[in-house]
Amino acid sequence: MVDLKTILLVEDNPNDVELTLEALLEYNLANHVIAVGDGVEAMEYLRYEDKFKNRKKGNPAVLLLDIKMPRMDGIEVLEAIRKDDKLKTIPVVMLTSSREEPDLKKCYELGVNAYVVKPVNFNDFIEAVKQIGIFWALLNEIPPGD
């Protein structure tokens, strides 16, 4: 059996969290998702801080990251990850409703692996998340030790 790595979902909209988990459930990936509500919590998870200090060791297979969030937005999280030697190899997929060109450009300048605009249509959203989950959590090979 394949040892599934964790997916870290950073999303402040509870409805989008629920839809994302529903989409991943079809491929039995939903039970390997840690959902946090903002960038501060994401960094605490990645750095084993606060309520995550005793979590299982290892980086997630992929980080699904929204841009527009309170406290610390997705671009700030991406920047912090890419500057941290222990985190910089984590694949990051922006899963956002932002179609703003400056956001897209900034994310790629900071080294995002993919930028996916959340489809408005329910079925299209589910399908997009399924494809992201299959590729990043099942097909993509991550560096040893991550």
C-alpha atoms as a PDB file:
ATOM      1  CA  MET A   1       0.000   0.000   0.000  1.00  0.00           C
ATOM      2  CA  VAL A   2       1.182   3.520  -0.818  1.00  0.00           C
ATOM      3  CA  ASP A   3       2.023   5.725   2.141  1.00  0.00           C
ATOM      4  CA  LEU A   4       0.053   8.872   1.371  1.00  0.00           C
ATOM      5  CA  LYS A   5       1.672  12.130   2.371  1.00  0.00           C
ATOM      6  CA  THR A   6      -0.299  14.955   3.906  1.00  0.00           C
ATOM      7  CA  ILE A   7      -1.918  17.746   1.906  1.00  0.00           C
ATOM      8  CA  LEU A   8      -1.920  21.093   3.702  1.00  0.00           C
ATOM      9  CA  LEU A   9      -4.961  23.172   2.741  1.00  0.00           C
ATOM     10  CA  VAL A  10      -4.745  26.839   3.689  1.00  0.00           C
ATOM     11  CA  GLU A  11      -8.183  28.352   3.191  1.00  0.00           C
ATOM     12  CA  ASP A  12     -10.260  30.800   5.237  1.00  0.00           C
ATOM     13  CA  ASN A  13     -13.603  30.030   3.554  1.00  0.00           C
ATOM     14  CA  PRO A  14     -15.278  27.057   5.303  1.00  0.00           C
ATOM     15  CA  ASN A  15     -17.391  26.310   2.218  1.00  0.00           C
ATOM     16  CA  ASP A  16     -14.293  26.021   0.022  1.00  0.00           C
ATOM     17  CA  VAL A  17     -12.649  23.776   2.630  1.00  0.00           C
ATOM     18  CA  GLU A  18     -15.704  21.499   2.593  1.00  0.00           C
ATOM     19  CA  LEU A  19     -15.832  21.375  -1.223  1.00  0.00           C
ATOM     20  CA  THR A  20     -12.107  20.645  -1.432  1.00  0.00           C
ATOM     21  CA  LEU A  21     -12.367  17.789   1.068  1.00  0.00           C
ATOM     22  CA  GLU A  22     -15.369  16.393  -0.811  1.00  0.00           C
ATOM     23  CA  ALA A  23     -13.437  16.410  -4.073  1.00  0.00           C
ATOM     24  CA  LEU A  24     -10.416  14.676  -2.516  1.00  0.00           C
ATOM     25  CA  LEU A  25     -12.584  12.068  -0.803  1.00  0.00           C
ATOM     26  CA  GLU A  26     -13.296  10.338  -4.105  1.00  0.00           C
ATOM     27  CA  TYR A  27      -9.631   9.294  -4.242  1.00  0.00           C
ATOM     28  CA  ASN A  28      -9.380   8.626  -0.500  1.00  0.00           C
ATOM     29  CA  LEU A  29      -7.151  11.676  -0.105  1.00  0.00           C
ATOM     30  CA  ALA A  30      -9.430  13.696   2.178  1.00  0.00           C
ATOM     31  CA  ASN A  31      -8.327  11.845   5.317  1.00  0.00           C
ATOM     32  CA  HIS A  32      -4.788  13.064   4.621  1.00  0.00           C
ATOM     33  CA  VAL A  33      -5.688  16.756   4.523  1.00  0.00           C
ATOM     34  CA  ILE A  34      -4.838  19.217   7.261  1.00  0.00           C
ATOM     35  CA  ALA A  35      -6.944  22.362   6.834  1.00  0.00           C
ATOM     36  CA  VAL A  36      -5.913  25.633   8.455  1.00  0.00           C
ATOM     37  CA  GLY A  37      -7.682  28.975   8.224  1.00  0.00           C
ATOM     38  CA  ASP A  38      -4.880  31.422   7.465  1.00  0.00           C
ATOM     39  CA  GLY A  39      -1.205  31.883   6.723  1.00  0.00           C
ATOM     40  CA  VAL A  40      -0.153  32.210  10.347  1.00  0.00           C
ATOM     41  CA  GLU A  41      -1.581  28.753  11.123  1.00  0.00           C
ATOM     42  CA  ALA A  42       0.047  27.357   7.978  1.00  0.00           C
ATOM     43  CA  MET A  43       3.475  28.554   9.090  1.00  0.00           C
ATOM     44  CA  GLU A  44       2.876  27.199  12.607  1.00  0.00           C
ATOM     45  CA  TYR A  45       2.051  23.815  11.067  1.00  0.00           C
ATOM     46  CA  LEU A  46       5.109  23.824   8.819  1.00  0.00           C
ATOM     47  CA  ARG A  47       7.416  24.914  11.652  1.00  0.00           C
ATOM     48  CA  TYR A  48       5.985  22.555  14.312  1.00  0.00           C
ATOM     49  CA  GLU A  49       4.787  25.457  16.470  1.00  0.00           C
ATOM     50  CA  ASP A  50       1.907  26.023  18.881  1.00  0.00           C
ATOM     51  CA  LYS A  51      -0.789  23.331  18.529  1.00  0.00           C
ATOM     52  CA  PHE A  52       1.282  21.591  15.815  1.00  0.00           C
ATOM     53  CA  LYS A  53       4.458  21.137  17.871  1.00  0.00           C
ATOM     54  CA  ASN A  54       3.878  17.387  18.237  1.00  0.00           C
ATOM     55  CA  ARG A  55       2.612  16.641  14.733  1.00  0.00           C
ATOM     56  CA  LYS A  56       4.065  13.829  12.640  1.00  0.00           C
ATOM     57  CA  LYS A  57       7.444  14.785  11.157  1.00  0.00           C
ATOM     58  CA  GLY A  58       7.742  15.594   7.470  1.00  0.00           C
ATOM     59  CA  ASN A  59       6.644  18.187   4.987  1.00  0.00           C
ATOM     60  CA  PRO A  60       3.302  17.897   3.206  1.00  0.00           C
ATOM     61  CA  ALA A  61       3.192  16.475  -0.330  1.00  0.00           C
ATOM     62  CA  VAL A  62       1.644  19.738  -1.467  1.00  0.00           C
ATOM     63  CA  LEU A  63       0.349  22.965  -0.007  1.00  0.00           C
ATOM     64  CA  LEU A  64      -2.939  24.224  -1.470  1.00  0.00           C
ATOM     65  CA  LEU A  65      -2.866  27.913  -0.718  1.00  0.00           C
ATOM     66  CA  ASP A  66      -5.482  30.645  -1.017  1.00  0.00           C
ATOM     67  CA  ILE A  67      -4.256  34.212  -1.528  1.00  0.00           C
ATOM     68  CA  LYS A  68      -6.807  36.447   0.172  1.00  0.00           C
ATOM     69  CA  MET A  69      -6.743  35.541   3.890  1.00  0.00           C
ATOM     70  CA  PRO A  70      -6.625  37.371   7.214  1.00  0.00           C
ATOM     71  CA  ARG A  71      -3.472  37.816   9.320  1.00  0.00           C
ATOM     72  CA  MET A  72      -1.012  36.490   6.699  1.00  0.00           C
ATOM     73  CA  ASP A  73      -2.011  36.152   3.063  1.00  0.00           C
ATOM     74  CA  GLY A  74      -0.992  33.405   0.665  1.00  0.00           C
ATOM     75  CA  ILE A  75       1.681  35.449  -1.083  1.00  0.00           C
ATOM     76  CA  GLU A  76       3.355  36.153   2.269  1.00  0.00           C
ATOM     77  CA  VAL A  77       3.219  32.421   3.095  1.00  0.00           C
ATOM     78  CA  LEU A  78       4.728  31.502  -0.267  1.00  0.00           C
ATOM     79  CA  GLU A  79       7.514  34.027   0.248  1.00  0.00           C
ATOM     80  CA  ALA A  80       8.279  32.690   3.752  1.00  0.00           C
ATOM     81  CA  ILE A  81       8.344  29.093   2.501  1.00  0.00           C
ATOM     82  CA  ARG A  82      10.691  29.838  -0.387  1.00  0.00           C
ATOM     83  CA  LYS A  83      13.120  31.626   1.968  1.00  0.00           C
ATOM     84  CA  ASP A  84      13.242  28.711   4.438  1.00  0.00           C
ATOM     85  CA  ASP A  85      15.756  25.965   3.584  1.00  0.00           C
ATOM     86  CA  LYS A  86      13.646  23.327   5.380  1.00  0.00           C
ATOM     87  CA  LEU A  87      10.467  24.268   3.502  1.00  0.00           C
ATOM     88  CA  LYS A  88      11.506  25.628   0.110  1.00  0.00           C
ATOM     89  CA  THR A  89      11.072  22.335  -1.777  1.00  0.00           C
ATOM     90  CA  ILE A  90       7.400  21.919  -0.766  1.00  0.00           C
ATOM     91  CA  PRO A  91       5.230  22.098  -3.881  1.00  0.00           C
ATOM     92  CA  VAL A  92       2.841  25.037  -3.561  1.00  0.00           C
ATOM     93  CA  VAL A  93      -0.338  25.342  -5.603  1.00  0.00           C
ATOM     94  CA  MET A  94      -2.211  28.612  -5.359  1.00  0.00           C
ATOM     95  CA  LEU A  95      -5.899  27.667  -5.310  1.00  0.00           C
ATOM     96  CA  THR A  96      -7.520  31.061  -5.370  1.00  0.00           C
ATOM     97  CA  SER A  97     -10.353  33.128  -6.746  1.00  0.00           C
ATOM     98  CA  SER A  98      -7.923  35.916  -7.676  1.00  0.00           C
ATOM     99  CA  ARG A  99      -7.568  36.520 -11.388  1.00  0.00           C
ATOM    100  CA  GLU A 100      -5.525  39.649 -10.719  1.00  0.00           C
ATOM    101  CA  GLU A 101      -2.450  39.735 -12.945  1.00  0.00           C
ATOM    102  CA  PRO A 102      -0.179  41.201 -10.218  1.00  0.00           C
ATOM    103  CA  ASP A 103      -1.055  38.242  -7.928  1.00  0.00           C
ATOM    104  CA  LEU A 104      -0.321  35.729 -10.674  1.00  0.00           C
ATOM    105  CA  LYS A 105       2.954  37.401 -11.597  1.00  0.00           C
ATOM    106  CA  LYS A 106       4.121  37.749  -7.977  1.00  0.00           C
ATOM    107  CA  CYS A 107       3.362  34.096  -7.211  1.00  0.00           C
ATOM    108  CA  TYR A 108       5.436  32.871 -10.138  1.00  0.00           C
ATOM    109  CA  GLU A 109       8.259  35.270  -9.258  1.00  0.00           C
ATOM    110  CA  LEU A 110       8.280  33.688  -5.785  1.00  0.00           C
ATOM    111  CA  GLY A 111       8.425  30.148  -7.197  1.00  0.00           C
ATOM    112  CA  VAL A 112       4.865  28.833  -7.028  1.00  0.00           C
ATOM    113  CA  ASN A 113       4.492  25.432  -8.698  1.00  0.00           C
ATOM    114  CA  ALA A 114       1.007  26.082 -10.090  1.00  0.00           C
ATOM    115  CA  TYR A 115      -1.652  28.788 -10.027  1.00  0.00           C
ATOM    116  CA  VAL A 116      -5.247  27.570 -10.280  1.00  0.00           C
ATOM    117  CA  VAL A 117      -8.194  29.954 -10.282  1.00  0.00           C
ATOM    118  CA  LYS A 118     -11.116  28.366  -8.434  1.00  0.00           C
ATOM    119  CA  PRO A 119     -13.840  27.608 -10.951  1.00  0.00           C
ATOM    120  CA  VAL A 120     -17.190  29.179 -10.060  1.00  0.00           C
ATOM    121  CA  ASN A 121     -19.160  26.150 -11.268  1.00  0.00           C
ATOM    122  CA  PHE A 122     -19.480  23.486  -8.542  1.00  0.00           C
ATOM    123  CA  ASN A 123     -18.657  20.509 -10.792  1.00  0.00           C
ATOM    124  CA  ASP A 124     -15.717  22.308 -12.366  1.00  0.00           C
ATOM    125  CA  PHE A 125     -14.361  23.166  -8.895  1.00  0.00           C
ATOM    126  CA  ILE A 126     -14.648  19.531  -7.780  1.00  0.00           C
ATOM    127  CA  GLU A 127     -12.907  18.304 -10.939  1.00  0.00           C
ATOM    128  CA  ALA A 128     -10.082  20.849 -10.635  1.00  0.00           C
ATOM    129  CA  VAL A 129      -9.387  19.845  -7.019  1.00  0.00           C
ATOM    130  CA  LYS A 130      -9.476  16.141  -7.925  1.00  0.00           C
ATOM    131  CA  GLN A 131      -6.873  16.680 -10.634  1.00  0.00           C
ATOM    132  CA  ILE A 132      -4.657  18.721  -8.314  1.00  0.00           C
ATOM    133  CA  GLY A 133      -4.912  16.049  -5.609  1.00  0.00           C
ATOM    134  CA  ILE A 134      -4.186  13.163  -7.935  1.00  0.00           C
ATOM    135  CA  PHE A 135      -1.142  14.814  -9.447  1.00  0.00           C
ATOM    136  CA  TRP A 136       0.495  16.338  -6.374  1.00  0.00           C
ATOM    137  CA  ALA A 137      -0.408  13.720  -3.748  1.00  0.00           C
ATOM    138  CA  LEU A 138      -0.213  10.530  -5.826  1.00  0.00           C
ATOM    139  CA  LEU A 139       1.844  11.058  -8.990  1.00  0.00           C
ATOM    140  CA  ASN A 140       4.415  13.701  -8.145  1.00  0.00           C
ATOM    141  CA  GLU A 141       7.712  12.515  -6.662  1.00  0.00           C
ATOM    142  CA  ILE A 142       9.039  14.639  -3.803  1.00  0.00           C
ATOM    143  CA  PRO A 143      12.691  14.907  -2.779  1.00  0.00           C
ATOM    144  CA  PRO A 144      13.864  12.297  -0.240  1.00  0.00           C
ATOM    145  CA  GLY A 145      13.596  13.371   3.372  1.00  0.00           C
ATOM    146  CA  ASP A 146      10.713  15.790   2.861  1.00  0.00           C
END
